[in-house]
């Protein structure tokens, strides 16, 4: 049986690319403390699969640490639920983004492989399933964060990365891309039947799912479009008051909670 090689990110955030090149499109990101399985290698690059959502892409091997421990051992992590936080080891300080896993976290300390890190102060962490109100409060922390294609951090994020990250910190694992996210959960037939915390999905002219957001109360939605923002939503889609028009066509609504 071929040995499984696992690695973990030791930098604040690194790109996952479509091809093994610094000039290739960034399709997603890894946050500090995220685990991957290395599937293949090409020069200084590795084809990786993220854990647990099985998203594949290429990463620069200089930006990860190969794990020395048993590859089959599950790493139990809490998640940073504050916007950012500084973590310090005996060698370095690292600025962490919201959603960064904190392996074996206890009383402000956690371990990346064999290295002990300490949070600068007692920031908020989460490792249990949260209820609707707390999930929405976490989502609103991102208001004003700029849109970044493939982004998945507080420094820049795309629509599906935003949804995945908020739900991961809240105790729910979703796929990385909006099209795959739309296959999860229970259908909600009408917008007036939706609840705060439901996911709304939007399609392009070819009816392909290209956008997702989190429904709020009173006909509003929070989503990443230009920046993380709150707009109104109805049976047609998202209406941007600043532009005076609909920007996204509603395709379906799913209930995850």
Protein backbone atom coordinates (compact mmCIF):
# COMPACT_ATOMS: atom_id res chain seq x y z
CA UNK A 1 0.00 0.00 0.00
CA UNK A 2 1.41 3.39 -1.00
CA UNK A 3 2.33 5.64 1.93
CA UNK A 4 0.06 8.63 2.45
CA UNK A 5 2.01 11.88 2.71
CA UNK A 6 0.26 14.63 4.64
CA UNK A 7 1.33 18.24 4.99
CA UNK A 8 0.07 21.32 6.79
CA UNK A 9 0.28 25.03 6.03
CA UNK A 10 2.68 27.03 8.19
CA UNK A 11 2.06 30.47 6.61
CA UNK A 12 -0.91 32.83 7.08
CA UNK A 13 -2.44 31.96 3.72
CA UNK A 14 -1.10 30.37 0.53
CA UNK A 15 -2.54 29.93 -2.98
CA UNK A 16 -3.80 26.74 -4.54
CA UNK A 17 -3.22 26.98 -8.29
CA UNK A 18 -4.74 25.30 -11.32
CA UNK A 19 -1.30 24.33 -12.68
CA UNK A 20 2.20 23.99 -11.13
CA UNK A 21 3.30 27.54 -11.84
CA UNK A 22 3.38 30.86 -9.98
CA UNK A 23 1.65 32.45 -12.98
CA UNK A 24 -1.21 29.93 -13.01
CA UNK A 25 -4.71 30.92 -11.90
CA UNK A 26 -5.39 30.77 -8.16
CA UNK A 27 -8.41 28.53 -7.64
CA UNK A 28 -8.48 28.50 -3.84
CA UNK A 29 -6.32 29.05 -0.76
CA UNK A 30 -5.05 27.23 2.29
CA UNK A 31 -5.06 28.87 5.69
CA UNK A 32 -2.48 28.35 8.41
CA UNK A 33 -3.03 24.93 9.98
CA UNK A 34 -5.01 23.37 7.10
CA UNK A 35 -4.12 19.79 6.22
CA UNK A 36 -3.56 18.38 2.75
CA UNK A 37 -2.69 15.04 1.20
CA UNK A 38 0.05 15.15 -1.42
CA UNK A 39 -1.02 13.19 -4.50
CA UNK A 40 1.82 13.94 -6.94
CA UNK A 41 4.91 16.11 -7.39
CA UNK A 42 6.40 18.22 -10.18
CA UNK A 43 9.69 19.97 -9.40
CA UNK A 44 8.97 22.30 -6.43
CA UNK A 45 5.23 21.80 -6.73
CA UNK A 46 2.81 19.28 -5.25
CA UNK A 47 -0.65 18.26 -6.41
CA UNK A 48 -2.64 18.29 -3.20
CA UNK A 49 -6.08 17.32 -1.95
CA UNK A 50 -7.51 19.32 0.91
CA UNK A 51 -8.93 17.71 4.04
CA UNK A 52 -11.83 17.17 4.49
CA UNK A 53 -13.43 18.70 1.38
CA UNK A 54 -11.18 16.90 -1.16
CA UNK A 55 -10.48 19.98 -3.27
CA UNK A 56 -7.49 19.46 -5.58
CA UNK A 57 -4.88 21.84 -6.93
CA UNK A 58 -1.17 22.68 -6.97
CA UNK A 59 0.79 24.23 -4.10
CA UNK A 60 4.42 25.32 -3.72
CA UNK A 61 6.06 22.78 -1.38
CA UNK A 62 8.15 25.53 0.23
CA UNK A 63 4.93 26.87 1.75
CA UNK A 64 3.90 23.74 3.66
CA UNK A 65 5.37 21.47 6.32
CA UNK A 66 5.45 17.71 5.79
CA UNK A 67 3.92 16.08 8.85
CA UNK A 68 6.15 13.70 10.79
CA UNK A 69 3.33 12.07 12.71
CA UNK A 70 1.24 9.11 11.60
CA UNK A 71 -0.55 10.18 8.41
CA UNK A 72 -3.62 8.24 9.45
CA UNK A 73 -3.97 10.12 12.74
CA UNK A 74 -6.79 12.64 12.87
CA UNK A 75 -5.79 16.15 13.89
CA UNK A 76 -8.39 17.66 16.20
CA UNK A 77 -8.67 21.40 15.72
CA UNK A 78 -10.60 24.38 16.94
CA UNK A 79 -11.10 27.30 14.54
CA UNK A 80 -10.26 30.94 14.98
CA UNK A 81 -13.58 32.82 15.01
CA UNK A 82 -12.11 36.31 15.41
CA UNK A 83 -11.21 38.42 12.38
CA UNK A 84 -7.44 37.97 12.81
CA UNK A 85 -5.01 36.95 15.54
CA UNK A 86 -1.27 36.78 16.13
CA UNK A 87 0.20 33.42 17.08
CA UNK A 88 3.77 33.13 18.33
CA UNK A 89 6.22 30.22 18.55
CA UNK A 90 9.84 30.17 19.71
CA UNK A 91 10.89 31.03 16.14
CA UNK A 92 8.23 33.28 14.63
CA UNK A 93 4.98 35.20 14.85
CA UNK A 94 2.22 34.51 12.31
CA UNK A 95 -0.88 36.60 11.55
CA UNK A 96 -3.83 34.21 11.38
CA UNK A 97 -7.06 34.80 9.50
CA UNK A 98 -10.59 33.93 10.59
CA UNK A 99 -11.19 30.21 10.11
CA UNK A 100 -7.59 29.10 10.59
CA UNK A 101 -7.49 25.67 12.27
CA UNK A 102 -5.77 25.57 15.66
CA UNK A 103 -4.57 21.95 16.11
CA UNK A 104 -4.93 20.53 19.62
CA UNK A 105 -6.00 23.94 20.94
CA UNK A 106 -6.22 24.37 24.71
CA UNK A 107 -6.04 27.49 26.87
CA UNK A 108 -4.50 29.70 24.20
CA UNK A 109 -1.92 27.16 23.00
CA UNK A 110 -1.90 24.87 19.97
CA UNK A 111 0.59 22.74 18.04
CA UNK A 112 1.60 22.69 14.38
CA UNK A 113 3.26 19.29 14.09
CA UNK A 114 5.79 19.50 16.96
CA UNK A 115 5.92 23.31 17.25
CA UNK A 116 3.99 25.01 20.05
CA UNK A 117 2.19 28.27 19.26
CA UNK A 118 0.52 30.66 21.67
CA UNK A 119 -2.20 33.15 20.79
CA UNK A 120 -1.22 36.70 21.71
CA UNK A 121 -4.40 37.10 23.72
CA UNK A 122 -7.57 35.02 24.30
CA UNK A 123 -9.22 35.31 20.88
CA UNK A 124 -12.54 33.62 20.10
CA UNK A 125 -12.41 30.01 18.95
CA UNK A 126 -15.04 27.49 17.93
CA UNK A 127 -15.22 23.70 17.66
CA UNK A 128 -18.95 22.96 18.06
CA UNK A 129 -21.99 23.48 15.89
CA UNK A 130 -23.37 26.99 16.21
CA UNK A 131 -26.95 28.20 15.91
CA UNK A 132 -28.38 30.58 13.31
CA UNK A 133 -27.86 33.84 15.19
CA UNK A 134 -24.19 33.16 15.90
CA UNK A 135 -23.59 32.03 12.29
CA UNK A 136 -25.03 35.29 10.97
CA UNK A 137 -22.95 37.30 13.43
CA UNK A 138 -19.81 35.55 12.16
CA UNK A 139 -20.80 36.28 8.55
CA UNK A 140 -21.23 39.98 9.34
CA UNK A 141 -17.63 40.15 10.59
CA UNK A 142 -16.65 39.97 6.90
CA UNK A 143 -18.61 43.03 5.79
CA UNK A 144 -16.32 45.14 3.61
CA UNK A 145 -13.74 42.41 3.02
CA UNK A 146 -12.72 42.67 -0.66
CA UNK A 147 -13.71 40.07 -3.24
CA UNK A 148 -10.85 37.91 -4.48
CA UNK A 149 -11.31 35.09 -6.99
CA UNK A 150 -10.19 31.91 -5.24
CA UNK A 151 -9.85 33.78 -1.93
CA UNK A 152 -10.74 32.13 1.35
CA UNK A 153 -9.42 34.47 4.04
CA UNK A 154 -10.20 37.72 5.83
CA UNK A 155 -7.71 39.43 3.47
CA UNK A 156 -9.82 38.62 0.37
CA UNK A 157 -12.55 36.11 -0.35
CA UNK A 158 -14.89 34.84 -3.07
CA UNK A 159 -18.58 33.95 -2.71
CA UNK A 160 -18.25 30.20 -2.17
CA UNK A 161 -15.11 30.56 -0.05
CA UNK A 162 -17.05 32.94 2.19
CA UNK A 163 -19.93 30.50 2.63
CA UNK A 164 -17.65 27.50 3.16
CA UNK A 165 -15.52 29.31 5.74
CA UNK A 166 -18.47 30.65 7.77
CA UNK A 167 -20.13 27.23 7.88
CA UNK A 168 -16.86 25.40 8.66
CA UNK A 169 -16.22 27.59 11.71
CA UNK A 170 -19.88 27.02 12.66
CA UNK A 171 -19.44 23.23 12.61
CA UNK A 172 -20.73 22.36 9.12
CA UNK A 173 -18.51 21.10 6.30
CA UNK A 174 -19.47 22.21 2.79
CA UNK A 175 -17.73 21.71 -0.58
CA UNK A 176 -15.49 24.49 -1.91
CA UNK A 177 -17.40 25.58 -5.04
CA UNK A 178 -20.93 26.98 -5.27
CA UNK A 179 -22.08 24.37 -7.79
CA UNK A 180 -21.17 21.56 -5.41
CA UNK A 181 -22.57 23.43 -2.41
CA UNK A 182 -25.93 23.65 -4.20
CA UNK A 183 -26.19 19.83 -4.09
CA UNK A 184 -26.19 19.78 -0.28
CA UNK A 185 -29.14 20.28 2.04
CA UNK A 186 -32.93 20.47 1.75
CA UNK A 187 -34.69 22.39 -1.02
CA UNK A 188 -36.72 25.48 -0.06
CA UNK A 189 -39.32 26.05 -2.73
CA UNK A 190 -40.11 29.75 -2.29
CA UNK A 191 -38.15 32.78 -1.10
CA UNK A 192 -40.88 33.68 1.40
CA UNK A 193 -40.36 30.27 3.03
CA UNK A 194 -36.64 30.85 3.52
CA UNK A 195 -35.06 31.36 6.92
CA UNK A 196 -32.02 33.21 8.17
CA UNK A 197 -28.99 30.98 7.49
CA UNK A 198 -30.38 29.34 4.34
CA UNK A 199 -28.16 29.42 1.25
CA UNK A 200 -29.34 31.09 -1.96
CA UNK A 201 -27.77 30.05 -5.27
CA UNK A 202 -27.70 32.07 -8.47
CA UNK A 203 -27.25 31.07 -12.10
CA UNK A 204 -25.85 32.62 -15.27
CA UNK A 205 -27.59 32.71 -18.66
CA UNK A 206 -26.70 29.04 -19.22
CA UNK A 207 -28.40 28.17 -15.90
CA UNK A 208 -25.06 27.20 -14.35
CA UNK A 209 -24.67 27.96 -10.63
CA UNK A 210 -22.08 30.74 -10.35
CA UNK A 211 -22.88 32.55 -7.10
CA UNK A 212 -24.00 31.85 -3.53
CA UNK A 213 -24.90 33.87 -0.45
CA UNK A 214 -26.37 33.50 3.03
CA UNK A 215 -29.96 34.63 3.50
CA UNK A 216 -30.70 37.07 6.32
CA UNK A 217 -33.97 38.19 7.84
CA UNK A 218 -36.39 40.63 6.20
CA UNK A 219 -35.52 39.92 2.58
CA UNK A 220 -31.77 40.48 2.74
CA UNK A 221 -28.70 38.46 1.84
CA UNK A 222 -25.01 38.67 2.72
CA UNK A 223 -22.63 37.70 -0.08
CA UNK A 224 -19.25 38.44 -1.66
CA UNK A 225 -19.63 40.58 -4.77
CA UNK A 226 -16.99 43.27 -5.14
CA UNK A 227 -16.82 43.05 -1.37
CA UNK A 228 -18.78 41.22 1.28
CA UNK A 229 -22.03 43.20 1.41
CA UNK A 230 -25.69 43.04 2.31
CA UNK A 231 -28.30 43.46 -0.44
CA UNK A 232 -32.02 42.79 -0.82
CA UNK A 233 -33.28 39.54 -2.32
CA UNK A 234 -36.63 38.50 -3.76
CA UNK A 235 -37.99 35.76 -6.07
CA UNK A 236 -36.04 37.23 -9.02
CA UNK A 237 -32.67 37.51 -7.33
CA UNK A 238 -30.34 40.03 -5.71
CA UNK A 239 -31.19 43.70 -6.16
CA UNK A 240 -28.34 46.18 -5.80
CA UNK A 241 -29.82 49.55 -4.74
CA UNK A 242 -26.64 51.43 -5.64
CA UNK A 243 -26.78 50.17 -9.22
CA UNK A 244 -30.56 50.21 -9.34
CA UNK A 245 -30.80 46.76 -10.89
CA UNK A 246 -30.74 43.01 -10.30
CA UNK A 247 -27.19 41.63 -10.32
CA UNK A 248 -27.80 37.92 -9.74
CA UNK A 249 -30.62 35.61 -10.92
CA UNK A 250 -32.03 33.35 -8.19
CA UNK A 251 -31.84 29.65 -9.09
CA UNK A 252 -32.55 27.75 -5.86
CA UNK A 253 -32.48 27.90 -2.05
CA UNK A 254 -31.07 25.23 0.25
CA UNK A 255 -31.41 24.68 4.00
CA UNK A 256 -28.30 23.33 5.70
CA UNK A 257 -29.04 24.04 9.36
